[in-house]
């Protein structure tokens, strides 16, 4: 009987140990190795919306000891663990036309270092025009479509709209001549854009060259978020070379200025075409070479350069209204003084044939 009892006890002990052994085995089992499944945007992707998120997906949650993926070039933003994913949210977005590389390395040897690169899209020319109109640098207004939300003061929202512009309509300000209308192309780069960018650059302490560079876009998005509007109004000028030669200026939709003017002589003509004012000086000694080879150094005032060495300015002459200059548009003193403040940076100056 004792033997039987002992055997039963031994059997019971053996049965009781079996679940504990199984439990012990489950606790000490090795988890599957961490594997990288995907990176979004995908490697080689082009035209990516830089305001969107970057997502790195693994086969399981990223261990707390593992470093987050890295972006190069670095962009302000935050990484977050979300289930089996590591998600990067940019603070203000990845700039346009940027090749961004995502490097993934778990740091514990379970995932080898891997890189994935994509390239962001260019900012929208249409959105550039919308912003310039909103800020008062165009002779047009822009009205968003009904029910369309405008980014207002949010820098991330402004950047998102730079990639995907909201719908809306442009309307011309009344009073400008048809010549100006002919330069406008909605959604495509044009002379009116160039002049507006030049004016914006000058107002923000940048080189006034009329190019929508990354620095210009950054300043433009900030200005839009802060509501920094153009304080100079919008001007357009025509220098007519039909005798008597004249300069006429429209400002904020009104014909506000007209004066006799002198343009270039035949051997040193004023360039024909339309150009934005890119430099302004209240006074300078203008130097150069006369057609006969002699050198000149003339004091001039109220100078607004619009193309190369050609400028609207005052210089003393016995008369005005016919070709006398070496490529500039010359005005009498009082007329030049009046014209100077209504020819702000970016003003388009058309010189007729």
C-alpha atoms as a PDB file:
ATOM      1  CA  UNK A   1       0.000   0.000   0.000  1.00  0.00           C
ATOM      2  CA  UNK A   2       2.855   2.313   0.823  1.00  0.00           C
ATOM      3  CA  UNK A   3       4.440   1.542  -2.456  1.00  0.00           C
ATOM      4  CA  UNK A   4       1.261   2.262  -4.321  1.00  0.00           C
ATOM      5  CA  UNK A   5       0.789   5.520  -2.477  1.00  0.00           C
ATOM      6  CA  UNK A   6       4.294   6.539  -3.238  1.00  0.00           C
ATOM      7  CA  UNK A   7       3.816   5.743  -6.893  1.00  0.00           C
ATOM      8  CA  UNK A   8       0.645   7.795  -7.074  1.00  0.00           C
ATOM      9  CA  UNK A   9       2.412  10.692  -5.392  1.00  0.00           C
ATOM     10  CA  UNK A  10       5.258  10.478  -7.843  1.00  0.00           C
ATOM     11  CA  UNK A  11       2.844  10.406 -10.768  1.00  0.00           C
ATOM     12  CA  UNK A  12       1.005  13.438  -9.418  1.00  0.00           C
ATOM     13  CA  UNK A  13       4.269  15.287  -8.985  1.00  0.00           C
ATOM     14  CA  UNK A  14       5.240  14.462 -12.537  1.00  0.00           C
ATOM     15  CA  UNK A  15       1.893  15.685 -13.843  1.00  0.00           C
ATOM     16  CA  UNK A  16       2.143  18.899 -11.826  1.00  0.00           C
ATOM     17  CA  UNK A  17       5.612  19.594 -13.227  1.00  0.00           C
ATOM     18  CA  UNK A  18       4.569  19.279 -16.869  1.00  0.00           C
ATOM     19  CA  UNK A  19       2.672  22.614 -17.138  1.00  0.00           C
ATOM     20  CA  UNK A  20       5.430  24.434 -15.297  1.00  0.00           C
ATOM     21  CA  UNK A  21       7.969  23.076 -17.730  1.00  0.00           C
ATOM     22  CA  UNK A  22       5.832  24.173 -20.678  1.00  0.00           C
ATOM     23  CA  UNK A  23       5.397  27.621 -19.153  1.00  0.00           C
ATOM     24  CA  UNK A  24       9.122  27.890 -18.583  1.00  0.00           C
ATOM     25  CA  UNK A  25       9.722  26.976 -22.206  1.00  0.00           C
ATOM     26  CA  UNK A  26       7.300  29.686 -23.405  1.00  0.00           C
ATOM     27  CA  UNK A  27       9.020  32.373 -21.318  1.00  0.00           C
ATOM     28  CA  UNK A  28      12.489  31.584 -22.570  1.00  0.00           C
ATOM     29  CA  UNK A  29      11.583  31.177 -26.301  1.00  0.00           C
ATOM     30  CA  UNK A  30      13.551  33.500 -28.627  1.00  0.00           C
ATOM     31  CA  UNK A  31      11.445  36.186 -30.432  1.00  0.00           C
ATOM     32  CA  UNK A  32      11.736  36.356 -34.235  1.00  0.00           C
ATOM     33  CA  UNK A  33      14.501  38.627 -35.511  1.00  0.00           C
ATOM     34  CA  UNK A  34      13.564  42.238 -36.227  1.00  0.00           C
ATOM     35  CA  UNK A  35      13.170  42.813 -39.951  1.00  0.00           C
ATOM     36  CA  UNK A  36      12.640  45.975 -41.990  1.00  0.00           C
ATOM     37  CA  UNK A  37       9.572  45.566 -44.190  1.00  0.00           C
ATOM     38  CA  UNK A  38       9.216  48.901 -45.965  1.00  0.00           C
ATOM     39  CA  UNK A  39       9.970  52.623 -46.072  1.00  0.00           C
ATOM     40  CA  UNK A  40       7.382  55.121 -47.293  1.00  0.00           C
ATOM     41  CA  UNK A  41       7.962  57.131 -49.504  1.00  0.00           C
ATOM     42  CA  UNK A  42       9.586  54.257 -51.377  1.00  0.00           C
ATOM     43  CA  UNK A  43      13.212  54.347 -52.395  1.00  0.00           C
ATOM     44  CA  UNK A  44      13.613  56.118 -55.726  1.00  0.00           C
ATOM     45  CA  UNK A  45      10.273  57.938 -55.437  1.00  0.00           C
ATOM     46  CA  UNK A  46      10.151  61.317 -57.226  1.00  0.00           C
ATOM     47  CA  UNK A  47       7.836  64.290 -56.779  1.00  0.00           C
ATOM     48  CA  UNK A  48       7.126  63.486 -53.125  1.00  0.00           C
ATOM     49  CA  UNK A  49       4.971  65.844 -51.056  1.00  0.00           C
ATOM     50  CA  UNK A  50       7.476  67.203 -48.541  1.00  0.00           C
ATOM     51  CA  UNK A  51       4.743  68.057 -46.064  1.00  0.00           C
ATOM     52  CA  UNK A  52       3.844  64.383 -45.614  1.00  0.00           C
ATOM     53  CA  UNK A  53       5.079  61.809 -43.084  1.00  0.00           C
ATOM     54  CA  UNK A  54       7.889  59.289 -43.476  1.00  0.00           C
ATOM     55  CA  UNK A  55       6.952  55.791 -42.282  1.00  0.00           C
ATOM     56  CA  UNK A  56       9.341  52.899 -41.576  1.00  0.00           C
ATOM     57  CA  UNK A  57       7.580  49.571 -41.037  1.00  0.00           C
ATOM     58  CA  UNK A  58       9.093  46.529 -39.244  1.00  0.00           C
ATOM     59  CA  UNK A  59       7.802  43.011 -38.638  1.00  0.00           C
ATOM     60  CA  UNK A  60       7.329  43.864 -34.960  1.00  0.00           C
ATOM     61  CA  UNK A  61       7.559  46.914 -32.678  1.00  0.00           C
ATOM     62  CA  UNK A  62      10.958  48.579 -32.671  1.00  0.00           C
ATOM     63  CA  UNK A  63      12.715  47.788 -29.342  1.00  0.00           C
ATOM     64  CA  UNK A  64      13.043  50.715 -26.956  1.00  0.00           C
ATOM     65  CA  UNK A  65      16.819  50.240 -27.015  1.00  0.00           C
ATOM     66  CA  UNK A  66      17.007  50.603 -30.793  1.00  0.00           C
ATOM     67  CA  UNK A  67      17.752  54.025 -32.322  1.00  0.00           C
ATOM     68  CA  UNK A  68      15.165  55.690 -34.480  1.00  0.00           C
ATOM     69  CA  UNK A  69      15.799  55.959 -38.244  1.00  0.00           C
ATOM     70  CA  UNK A  70      17.698  59.039 -39.410  1.00  0.00           C
ATOM     71  CA  UNK A  71      17.037  61.576 -42.161  1.00  0.00           C
ATOM     72  CA  UNK A  72      19.801  63.240 -44.160  1.00  0.00           C
ATOM     73  CA  UNK A  73      19.874  66.119 -44.699  1.00  0.00           C
ATOM     74  CA  UNK A  74      18.405  66.633 -41.240  1.00  0.00           C
ATOM     75  CA  UNK A  75      14.943  68.182 -41.081  1.00  0.00           C
ATOM     76  CA  UNK A  76      13.222  69.507 -37.980  1.00  0.00           C
ATOM     77  CA  UNK A  77      10.551  67.086 -36.827  1.00  0.00           C
ATOM     78  CA  UNK A  78       9.801  64.147 -34.520  1.00  0.00           C
ATOM     79  CA  UNK A  79       9.883  60.338 -34.686  1.00  0.00           C
ATOM     80  CA  UNK A  80       7.188  58.321 -32.895  1.00  0.00           C
ATOM     81  CA  UNK A  81       6.743  54.573 -32.360  1.00  0.00           C
ATOM     82  CA  UNK A  82       3.303  53.481 -33.576  1.00  0.00           C
ATOM     83  CA  UNK A  83       2.857  49.705 -33.324  1.00  0.00           C
ATOM     84  CA  UNK A  84       5.217  48.082 -35.800  1.00  0.00           C
ATOM     85  CA  UNK A  85       6.059  51.446 -37.354  1.00  0.00           C
ATOM     86  CA  UNK A  86       8.374  54.384 -36.750  1.00  0.00           C
ATOM     87  CA  UNK A  87       6.662  57.530 -38.087  1.00  0.00           C
ATOM     88  CA  UNK A  88       8.418  60.838 -38.760  1.00  0.00           C
ATOM     89  CA  UNK A  89       6.338  64.027 -38.804  1.00  0.00           C
ATOM     90  CA  UNK A  90       8.209  67.071 -40.181  1.00  0.00           C
ATOM     91  CA  UNK A  91       7.809  70.259 -38.191  1.00  0.00           C
ATOM     92  CA  UNK A  92       7.457  72.534 -41.212  1.00  0.00           C
ATOM     93  CA  UNK A  93       8.115  70.066 -44.028  1.00  0.00           C
ATOM     94  CA  UNK A  94      10.962  68.915 -46.217  1.00  0.00           C
ATOM     95  CA  UNK A  95      11.984  71.639 -48.707  1.00  0.00           C
ATOM     96  CA  UNK A  96      11.224  71.293 -52.404  1.00  0.00           C
ATOM     97  CA  UNK A  97      13.638  69.581 -54.804  1.00  0.00           C
ATOM     98  CA  UNK A  98      15.481  67.856 -51.944  1.00  0.00           C
ATOM     99  CA  UNK A  99      16.894  64.328 -52.095  1.00  0.00           C
ATOM    100  CA  UNK A 100      16.230  62.870 -48.644  1.00  0.00           C
ATOM    101  CA  UNK A 101      17.890  59.660 -47.409  1.00  0.00           C
ATOM    102  CA  UNK A 102      16.373  57.496 -44.659  1.00  0.00           C
ATOM    103  CA  UNK A 103      18.891  55.328 -42.784  1.00  0.00           C
ATOM    104  CA  UNK A 104      17.502  52.439 -40.702  1.00  0.00           C
ATOM    105  CA  UNK A 105      19.674  50.607 -38.153  1.00  0.00           C
ATOM    106  CA  UNK A 106      18.291  48.792 -35.105  1.00  0.00           C
ATOM    107  CA  UNK A 107      21.602  48.967 -33.286  1.00  0.00           C
ATOM    108  CA  UNK A 108      21.389  45.491 -31.757  1.00  0.00           C
ATOM    109  CA  UNK A 109      22.587  43.538 -34.774  1.00  0.00           C
ATOM    110  CA  UNK A 110      19.158  42.236 -35.758  1.00  0.00           C
ATOM    111  CA  UNK A 111      18.720  44.752 -38.599  1.00  0.00           C
ATOM    112  CA  UNK A 112      21.614  45.710 -40.795  1.00  0.00           C
ATOM    113  CA  UNK A 113      22.012  49.331 -41.823  1.00  0.00           C
ATOM    114  CA  UNK A 114      19.806  50.110 -44.807  1.00  0.00           C
ATOM    115  CA  UNK A 115      19.256  53.314 -46.769  1.00  0.00           C
ATOM    116  CA  UNK A 116      16.291  54.507 -48.811  1.00  0.00           C
ATOM    117  CA  UNK A 117      16.210  57.774 -50.774  1.00  0.00           C
ATOM    118  CA  UNK A 118      13.408  59.814 -52.315  1.00  0.00           C
ATOM    119  CA  UNK A 119      13.126  63.303 -53.843  1.00  0.00           C
ATOM    120  CA  UNK A 120      10.557  65.937 -53.012  1.00  0.00           C
ATOM    121  CA  UNK A 121       8.580  67.767 -55.670  1.00  0.00           C
ATOM    122  CA  UNK A 122       9.064  71.368 -56.748  1.00  0.00           C
ATOM    123  CA  UNK A 123       6.821  73.936 -55.156  1.00  0.00           C
ATOM    124  CA  UNK A 124       3.839  74.918 -57.284  1.00  0.00           C
ATOM    125  CA  UNK A 125       4.182  77.984 -59.520  1.00  0.00           C
ATOM    126  CA  UNK A 126       0.442  78.450 -59.145  1.00  0.00           C
ATOM    127  CA  UNK A 127       0.821  78.623 -55.363  1.00  0.00           C
ATOM    128  CA  UNK A 128       3.668  81.107 -55.779  1.00  0.00           C
ATOM    129  CA  UNK A 129       1.295  83.342 -57.724  1.00  0.00           C
ATOM    130  CA  UNK A 130      -1.484  82.909 -55.169  1.00  0.00           C
ATOM    131  CA  UNK A 131       0.834  83.979 -52.351  1.00  0.00           C
ATOM    132  CA  UNK A 132       2.249  86.951 -54.270  1.00  0.00           C
ATOM    133  CA  UNK A 133      -1.299  88.091 -55.024  1.00  0.00           C
ATOM    134  CA  UNK A 134      -2.388  87.657 -51.401  1.00  0.00           C
ATOM    135  CA  UNK A 135       0.591  89.703 -50.219  1.00  0.00           C
ATOM    136  CA  UNK A 136      -0.021  92.517 -52.720  1.00  0.00           C
ATOM    137  CA  UNK A 137       2.889  91.966 -55.110  1.00  0.00           C
ATOM    138  CA  UNK A 138       0.742  91.346 -58.215  1.00  0.00           C
ATOM    139  CA  UNK A 139      -1.716  93.546 -60.141  1.00  0.00           C
ATOM    140  CA  UNK A 140      -4.272  90.820 -59.483  1.00  0.00           C
ATOM    141  CA  UNK A 141      -6.236  89.560 -56.506  1.00  0.00           C
ATOM    142  CA  UNK A 142      -6.713  85.883 -55.746  1.00  0.00           C
ATOM    143  CA  UNK A 143      -9.934  84.562 -54.262  1.00  0.00           C
ATOM    144  CA  UNK A 144     -10.124  80.977 -52.950  1.00  0.00           C
ATOM    145  CA  UNK A 145     -12.903  78.747 -54.223  1.00  0.00           C
ATOM    146  CA  UNK A 146     -16.026  78.557 -52.060  1.00  0.00           C
ATOM    147  CA  UNK A 147     -15.496  76.317 -49.064  1.00  0.00           C
ATOM    148  CA  UNK A 148     -11.721  76.212 -49.499  1.00  0.00           C
ATOM    149  CA  UNK A 149      -9.700  76.513 -46.304  1.00  0.00           C
ATOM    150  CA  UNK A 150      -6.749  78.920 -46.470  1.00  0.00           C
ATOM    151  CA  UNK A 151      -3.619  77.983 -44.457  1.00  0.00           C
ATOM    152  CA  UNK A 152      -3.476  81.421 -42.770  1.00  0.00           C
ATOM    153  CA  UNK A 153      -0.884  81.515 -39.964  1.00  0.00           C
ATOM    154  CA  UNK A 154       0.155  77.860 -39.917  1.00  0.00           C
ATOM    155  CA  UNK A 155       3.664  77.314 -41.406  1.00  0.00           C
ATOM    156  CA  UNK A 156       3.105  73.541 -41.903  1.00  0.00           C
ATOM    157  CA  UNK A 157      -0.184  74.227 -43.667  1.00  0.00           C
ATOM    158  CA  UNK A 158       1.468  76.924 -45.804  1.00  0.00           C
ATOM    159  CA  UNK A 159       4.126  74.439 -46.885  1.00  0.00           C
ATOM    160  CA  UNK A 160       1.548  71.745 -47.633  1.00  0.00           C
ATOM    161  CA  UNK A 161      -0.282  74.236 -49.879  1.00  0.00           C
ATOM    162  CA  UNK A 162       3.006  75.040 -51.647  1.00  0.00           C
ATOM    163  CA  UNK A 163       2.975  71.462 -52.938  1.00  0.00           C
ATOM    164  CA  UNK A 164      -0.786  71.244 -53.518  1.00  0.00           C
ATOM    165  CA  UNK A 165      -2.275  74.736 -54.066  1.00  0.00           C
ATOM    166  CA  UNK A 166      -5.878  75.363 -53.045  1.00  0.00           C
ATOM    167  CA  UNK A 167      -8.310  76.145 -55.890  1.00  0.00           C
ATOM    168  CA  UNK A 168      -9.318  79.708 -56.562  1.00  0.00           C
ATOM    169  CA  UNK A 169      -9.548  82.499 -59.144  1.00  0.00           C
ATOM    170  CA  UNK A 170      -7.423  85.526 -60.114  1.00  0.00           C
ATOM    171  CA  UNK A 171      -8.967  88.900 -60.939  1.00  0.00           C
ATOM    172  CA  UNK A 172      -7.168  91.838 -62.520  1.00  0.00           C
ATOM    173  CA  UNK A 173      -7.072  95.177 -60.759  1.00  0.00           C
ATOM    174  CA  UNK A 174      -8.719  97.750 -63.003  1.00  0.00           C
ATOM    175  CA  UNK A 175      -6.809 100.615 -64.602  1.00  0.00           C
ATOM    176  CA  UNK A 176      -3.634  99.015 -65.984  1.00  0.00           C
ATOM    177  CA  UNK A 177      -2.898  99.082 -69.744  1.00  0.00           C
ATOM    178  CA  UNK A 178      -3.397  95.956 -71.840  1.00  0.00           C
ATOM    179  CA  UNK A 179       0.367  95.698 -72.360  1.00  0.00           C
ATOM    180  CA  UNK A 180       0.690  94.508 -68.766  1.00  0.00           C
ATOM    181  CA  UNK A 181      -2.065  91.895 -69.141  1.00  0.00           C
ATOM    182  CA  UNK A 182      -0.119  90.298 -71.981  1.00  0.00           C
ATOM    183  CA  UNK A 183       2.724  89.241 -69.674  1.00  0.00           C
ATOM    184  CA  UNK A 184       0.522  87.178 -67.330  1.00  0.00           C
ATOM    185  CA  UNK A 185       0.356  83.360 -67.514  1.00  0.00           C
ATOM    186  CA  UNK A 186      -1.543  81.650 -64.727  1.00  0.00           C
ATOM    187  CA  UNK A 187       0.327  78.624 -63.412  1.00  0.00           C
ATOM    188  CA  UNK A 188       3.440  79.311 -65.509  1.00  0.00           C
ATOM    189  CA  UNK A 189       6.470  81.490 -64.807  1.00  0.00           C
ATOM    190  CA  UNK A 190       6.191  84.904 -66.449  1.00  0.00           C
ATOM    191  CA  UNK A 191       7.479  88.494 -66.357  1.00  0.00           C
ATOM    192  CA  UNK A 192       4.883  89.636 -63.833  1.00  0.00           C
ATOM    193  CA  UNK A 193       6.021  86.878 -61.467  1.00  0.00           C
ATOM    194  CA  UNK A 194       9.645  87.924 -61.976  1.00  0.00           C
ATOM    195  CA  UNK A 195       8.901  91.525 -61.078  1.00  0.00           C
ATOM    196  CA  UNK A 196       6.843  90.528 -58.043  1.00  0.00           C
ATOM    197  CA  UNK A 197       9.584  88.226 -56.767  1.00  0.00           C
ATOM    198  CA  UNK A 198      12.148  91.001 -57.265  1.00  0.00           C
ATOM    199  CA  UNK A 199      10.054  93.372 -55.165  1.00  0.00           C
ATOM    200  CA  UNK A 200       9.530  90.756 -52.470  1.00  0.00           C
ATOM    201  CA  UNK A 201      13.273  90.007 -52.344  1.00  0.00           C
ATOM    202  CA  UNK A 202      14.145  93.673 -51.905  1.00  0.00           C
ATOM    203  CA  UNK A 203      11.589  94.052 -49.108  1.00  0.00           C
ATOM    204  CA  UNK A 204      13.131  91.088 -47.272  1.00  0.00           C
ATOM    205  CA  UNK A 205      16.800  92.014 -47.616  1.00  0.00           C
ATOM    206  CA  UNK A 206      17.588  89.472 -50.321  1.00  0.00           C
ATOM    207  CA  UNK A 207      19.419  89.793 -53.641  1.00  0.00           C
ATOM    208  CA  UNK A 208      16.833  91.205 -56.033  1.00  0.00           C
ATOM    209  CA  UNK A 209      17.152  88.890 -59.025  1.00  0.00           C
ATOM    210  CA  UNK A 210      13.554  87.715 -59.516  1.00  0.00           C
ATOM    211  CA  UNK A 211      14.347  84.032 -58.967  1.00  0.00           C
ATOM    212  CA  UNK A 212      12.117  81.929 -56.696  1.00  0.00           C
ATOM    213  CA  UNK A 213      15.011  80.233 -54.884  1.00  0.00           C
ATOM    214  CA  UNK A 214      14.577  77.995 -51.813  1.00  0.00           C
ATOM    215  CA  UNK A 215      15.455  81.018 -49.651  1.00  0.00           C
ATOM    216  CA  UNK A 216      12.774  83.099 -51.365  1.00  0.00           C
ATOM    217  CA  UNK A 217      10.197  80.343 -50.861  1.00  0.00           C
ATOM    218  CA  UNK A 218      11.095  80.048 -47.185  1.00  0.00           C
ATOM    219  CA  UNK A 219      10.713  83.805 -46.716  1.00  0.00           C
ATOM    220  CA  UNK A 220       7.504  83.840 -48.748  1.00  0.00           C
ATOM    221  CA  UNK A 221       5.890  81.078 -46.667  1.00  0.00           C
ATOM    222  CA  UNK A 222       6.872  82.906 -43.483  1.00  0.00           C
ATOM    223  CA  UNK A 223       5.507  86.197 -44.810  1.00  0.00           C
ATOM    224  CA  UNK A 224       2.248  84.493 -45.750  1.00  0.00           C
ATOM    225  CA  UNK A 225       1.952  82.911 -42.305  1.00  0.00           C
ATOM    226  CA  UNK A 226       2.602  86.316 -40.680  1.00  0.00           C
ATOM    227  CA  UNK A 227       0.495  88.382 -43.090  1.00  0.00           C
ATOM    228  CA  UNK A 228       3.404  90.617 -44.173  1.00  0.00           C
ATOM    229  CA  UNK A 229       1.933  92.615 -47.066  1.00  0.00           C
ATOM    230  CA  UNK A 230       3.616  94.767 -49.690  1.00  0.00           C
ATOM    231  CA  UNK A 231       3.737  98.380 -48.492  1.00  0.00           C
ATOM    232  CA  UNK A 232       4.756  99.985 -51.816  1.00  0.00           C
ATOM    233  CA  UNK A 233       1.734  99.272 -53.989  1.00  0.00           C
ATOM    234  CA  UNK A 234       2.032  98.003 -57.565  1.00  0.00           C
ATOM    235  CA  UNK A 235       3.554 100.054 -60.399  1.00  0.00           C
ATOM    236  CA  UNK A 236       4.029  99.620 -64.131  1.00  0.00           C
ATOM    237  CA  UNK A 237       5.913 101.993 -66.466  1.00  0.00           C
ATOM    238  CA  UNK A 238       6.170 102.510 -70.213  1.00  0.00           C
ATOM    239  CA  UNK A 239       9.019 104.468 -71.829  1.00  0.00           C
ATOM    240  CA  UNK A 240       7.815 105.399 -75.289  1.00  0.00           C
ATOM    241  CA  UNK A 241      10.467 106.093 -77.909  1.00  0.00           C
ATOM    242  CA  UNK A 242       8.021 107.804 -80.239  1.00  0.00           C
ATOM    243  CA  UNK A 243       8.997 111.450 -80.452  1.00  0.00           C
ATOM    244  CA  UNK A 244       8.307 113.278 -78.237  1.00  0.00           C
ATOM    245  CA  UNK A 245       9.622 110.525 -75.965  1.00  0.00           C
ATOM    246  CA  UNK A 246       7.805 110.045 -72.667  1.00  0.00           C
ATOM    247  CA  UNK A 247       7.722 107.991 -69.498  1.00  0.00           C
ATOM    248  CA  UNK A 248       4.310 107.038 -68.090  1.00  0.00           C
ATOM    249  CA  UNK A 249       3.725 105.281 -64.748  1.00  0.00           C
ATOM    250  CA  UNK A 250       0.624 103.502 -63.463  1.00  0.00           C
ATOM    251  CA  UNK A 251       0.458 102.979 -59.709  1.00  0.00           C
ATOM    252  CA  UNK A 252      -2.223 100.948 -57.905  1.00  0.00           C
ATOM    253  CA  UNK A 253      -4.324 100.917 -61.066  1.00  0.00           C
ATOM    254  CA  UNK A 254      -4.146 104.665 -61.820  1.00  0.00           C
ATOM    255  CA  UNK A 255      -2.191 106.647 -64.401  1.00  0.00           C
ATOM    256  CA  UNK A 256      -0.302 108.875 -61.950  1.00  0.00           C
ATOM    257  CA  UNK A 257       2.764 110.116 -63.822  1.00  0.00           C
ATOM    258  CA  UNK A 258       3.804 111.308 -67.287  1.00  0.00           C
ATOM    259  CA  UNK A 259       6.851 113.277 -68.356  1.00  0.00           C
ATOM    260  CA  UNK A 260       9.023 113.962 -71.353  1.00  0.00           C
ATOM    261  CA  UNK A 261      12.055 111.690 -71.341  1.00  0.00           C
ATOM    262  CA  UNK A 262      15.248 110.998 -73.253  1.00  0.00           C
ATOM    263  CA  UNK A 263      16.252 107.507 -74.391  1.00  0.00           C
ATOM    264  CA  UNK A 264      19.429 106.247 -76.035  1.00  0.00           C
ATOM    265  CA  UNK A 265      21.063 107.493 -79.186  1.00  0.00           C
ATOM    266  CA  UNK A 266      21.457 105.101 -82.125  1.00  0.00           C
ATOM    267  CA  UNK A 267      24.967 103.966 -81.181  1.00  0.00           C
ATOM    268  CA  UNK A 268      23.963 103.419 -77.524  1.00  0.00           C
ATOM    269  CA  UNK A 269      20.248 102.538 -77.599  1.00  0.00           C
ATOM    270  CA  UNK A 270      18.026 101.895 -74.637  1.00  0.00           C
ATOM    271  CA  UNK A 271      17.215  98.154 -74.552  1.00  0.00           C
ATOM    272  CA  UNK A 272      13.768  97.407 -75.953  1.00  0.00           C
ATOM    273  CA  UNK A 273      11.568  95.053 -73.938  1.00  0.00           C
ATOM    274  CA  UNK A 274      10.188  94.749 -70.422  1.00  0.00           C
ATOM    275  CA  UNK A 275      12.403  94.538 -67.355  1.00  0.00           C
ATOM    276  CA  UNK A 276      11.955  94.730 -63.548  1.00  0.00           C
ATOM    277  CA  UNK A 277      13.616  97.467 -61.506  1.00  0.00           C
ATOM    278  CA  UNK A 278      16.401  95.677 -59.618  1.00  0.00           C
ATOM    279  CA  UNK A 279      18.420  98.482 -57.994  1.00  0.00           C
ATOM    280  CA  UNK A 280      17.628 101.959 -56.674  1.00  0.00           C
ATOM    281  CA  UNK A 281      19.984 104.750 -55.651  1.00  0.00           C
ATOM    282  CA  UNK A 282      19.036 108.313 -54.720  1.00  0.00           C
ATOM    283  CA  UNK A 283      22.412 109.545 -55.974  1.00  0.00           C
ATOM    284  CA  UNK A 284      25.517 108.221 -57.708  1.00  0.00           C
ATOM    285  CA  UNK A 285      28.309 109.185 -60.090  1.00  0.00           C
ATOM    286  CA  UNK A 286      27.519 107.161 -63.219  1.00  0.00           C
ATOM    287  CA  UNK A 287      30.684 106.235 -65.105  1.00  0.00           C
ATOM    288  CA  UNK A 288      31.289 104.726 -68.526  1.00  0.00           C
ATOM    289  CA  UNK A 289      32.687 105.244 -71.996  1.00  0.00           C
ATOM    290  CA  UNK A 290      31.314 107.604 -74.632  1.00  0.00           C
ATOM    291  CA  UNK A 291      30.896 106.447 -78.244  1.00  0.00           C
ATOM    292  CA  UNK A 292      34.078 108.379 -79.170  1.00  0.00           C
ATOM    293  CA  UNK A 293      36.095 106.420 -76.595  1.00  0.00           C
ATOM    294  CA  UNK A 294      36.331 109.156 -73.995  1.00  0.00           C
ATOM    295  CA  UNK A 295      35.369 108.457 -70.391  1.00  0.00           C
ATOM    296  CA  UNK A 296      32.510 110.073 -68.516  1.00  0.00           C
ATOM    297  CA  UNK A 297      31.667 110.394 -64.811  1.00  0.00           C
ATOM    298  CA  UNK A 298      28.329 112.165 -64.432  1.00  0.00           C
ATOM    299  CA  UNK A 299      26.521 112.880 -61.173  1.00  0.00           C
ATOM    300  CA  UNK A 300      22.920 111.649 -61.453  1.00  0.00           C
ATOM    301  CA  UNK A 301      19.983 111.399 -59.043  1.00  0.00           C
ATOM    302  CA  UNK A 302      16.828 109.365 -58.408  1.00  0.00           C
ATOM    303  CA  UNK A 303      18.243 106.292 -60.140  1.00  0.00           C
ATOM    304  CA  UNK A 304      16.155 103.155 -60.791  1.00  0.00           C
ATOM    305  CA  UNK A 305      18.063 100.463 -62.718  1.00  0.00           C
ATOM    306  CA  UNK A 306      15.926  98.108 -64.808  1.00  0.00           C
ATOM    307  CA  UNK A 307      18.298  96.344 -67.242  1.00  0.00           C
ATOM    308  CA  UNK A 308      22.078  96.111 -67.002  1.00  0.00           C
ATOM    309  CA  UNK A 309      23.427  99.659 -66.879  1.00  0.00           C
ATOM    310  CA  UNK A 310      20.163 101.213 -68.067  1.00  0.00           C
ATOM    311  CA  UNK A 311      18.165 103.201 -65.530  1.00  0.00           C
ATOM    312  CA  UNK A 312      15.479 105.827 -65.126  1.00  0.00           C
ATOM    313  CA  UNK A 313      17.221 108.876 -63.604  1.00  0.00           C
ATOM    314  CA  UNK A 314      17.732 112.628 -63.615  1.00  0.00           C
ATOM    315  CA  UNK A 315      20.582 114.235 -65.484  1.00  0.00           C
ATOM    316  CA  UNK A 316      20.863 117.859 -66.521  1.00  0.00           C
ATOM    317  CA  UNK A 317      19.945 118.386 -70.189  1.00  0.00           C
ATOM    318  CA  UNK A 318      18.882 121.417 -72.156  1.00  0.00           C
ATOM    319  CA  UNK A 319      15.726 119.642 -73.289  1.00  0.00           C
ATOM    320  CA  UNK A 320      13.846 116.347 -72.968  1.00  0.00           C
ATOM    321  CA  UNK A 321      11.705 114.286 -75.311  1.00  0.00           C
ATOM    322  CA  UNK A 322      14.140 112.898 -77.863  1.00  0.00           C
ATOM    323  CA  UNK A 323      17.147 110.468 -78.004  1.00  0.00           C
ATOM    324  CA  UNK A 324      20.120 111.899 -76.079  1.00  0.00           C
ATOM    325  CA  UNK A 325      21.224 109.299 -73.516  1.00  0.00           C
ATOM    326  CA  UNK A 326      23.671 106.405 -73.646  1.00  0.00           C
ATOM    327  CA  UNK A 327      20.980 103.810 -72.982  1.00  0.00           C
ATOM    328  CA  UNK A 328      19.128 105.254 -70.001  1.00  0.00           C
ATOM    329  CA  UNK A 329      15.719 106.906 -69.629  1.00  0.00           C
ATOM    330  CA  UNK A 330      16.511 110.461 -68.561  1.00  0.00           C
ATOM    331  CA  UNK A 331      14.041 112.793 -66.823  1.00  0.00           C
ATOM    332  CA  UNK A 332      14.033 116.430 -65.651  1.00  0.00           C
ATOM    333  CA  UNK A 333      14.887 116.819 -61.959  1.00  0.00           C
ATOM    334  CA  UNK A 334      11.385 117.381 -60.545  1.00  0.00           C
ATOM    335  CA  UNK A 335       9.935 114.568 -62.671  1.00  0.00           C
ATOM    336  CA  UNK A 336      12.689 112.139 -61.618  1.00  0.00           C
ATOM    337  CA  UNK A 337      12.155 112.997 -57.965  1.00  0.00           C
ATOM    338  CA  UNK A 338       8.422 112.359 -58.344  1.00  0.00           C
ATOM    339  CA  UNK A 339       8.930 109.108 -60.236  1.00  0.00           C
ATOM    340  CA  UNK A 340      11.497 107.602 -57.865  1.00  0.00           C
ATOM    341  CA  UNK A 341       9.144 106.437 -55.051  1.00  0.00           C
ATOM    342  CA  UNK A 342       6.538 105.068 -57.480  1.00  0.00           C
ATOM    343  CA  UNK A 343       9.131 102.911 -59.248  1.00  0.00           C
ATOM    344  CA  UNK A 344       9.737 100.459 -56.383  1.00  0.00           C
ATOM    345  CA  UNK A 345      11.866  97.367 -56.735  1.00  0.00           C
ATOM    346  CA  UNK A 346      10.229  94.910 -59.108  1.00  0.00           C
ATOM    347  CA  UNK A 347       8.361  97.547 -61.141  1.00  0.00           C
ATOM    348  CA  UNK A 348       8.141  96.364 -64.738  1.00  0.00           C
ATOM    349  CA  UNK A 349       9.484  98.970 -67.164  1.00  0.00           C
ATOM    350  CA  UNK A 350       8.536  98.502 -70.820  1.00  0.00           C
ATOM    351  CA  UNK A 351      10.677 100.286 -73.410  1.00  0.00           C
ATOM    352  CA  UNK A 352       8.855 100.450 -76.732  1.00  0.00           C
ATOM    353  CA  UNK A 353      10.635 100.154 -80.093  1.00  0.00           C
END
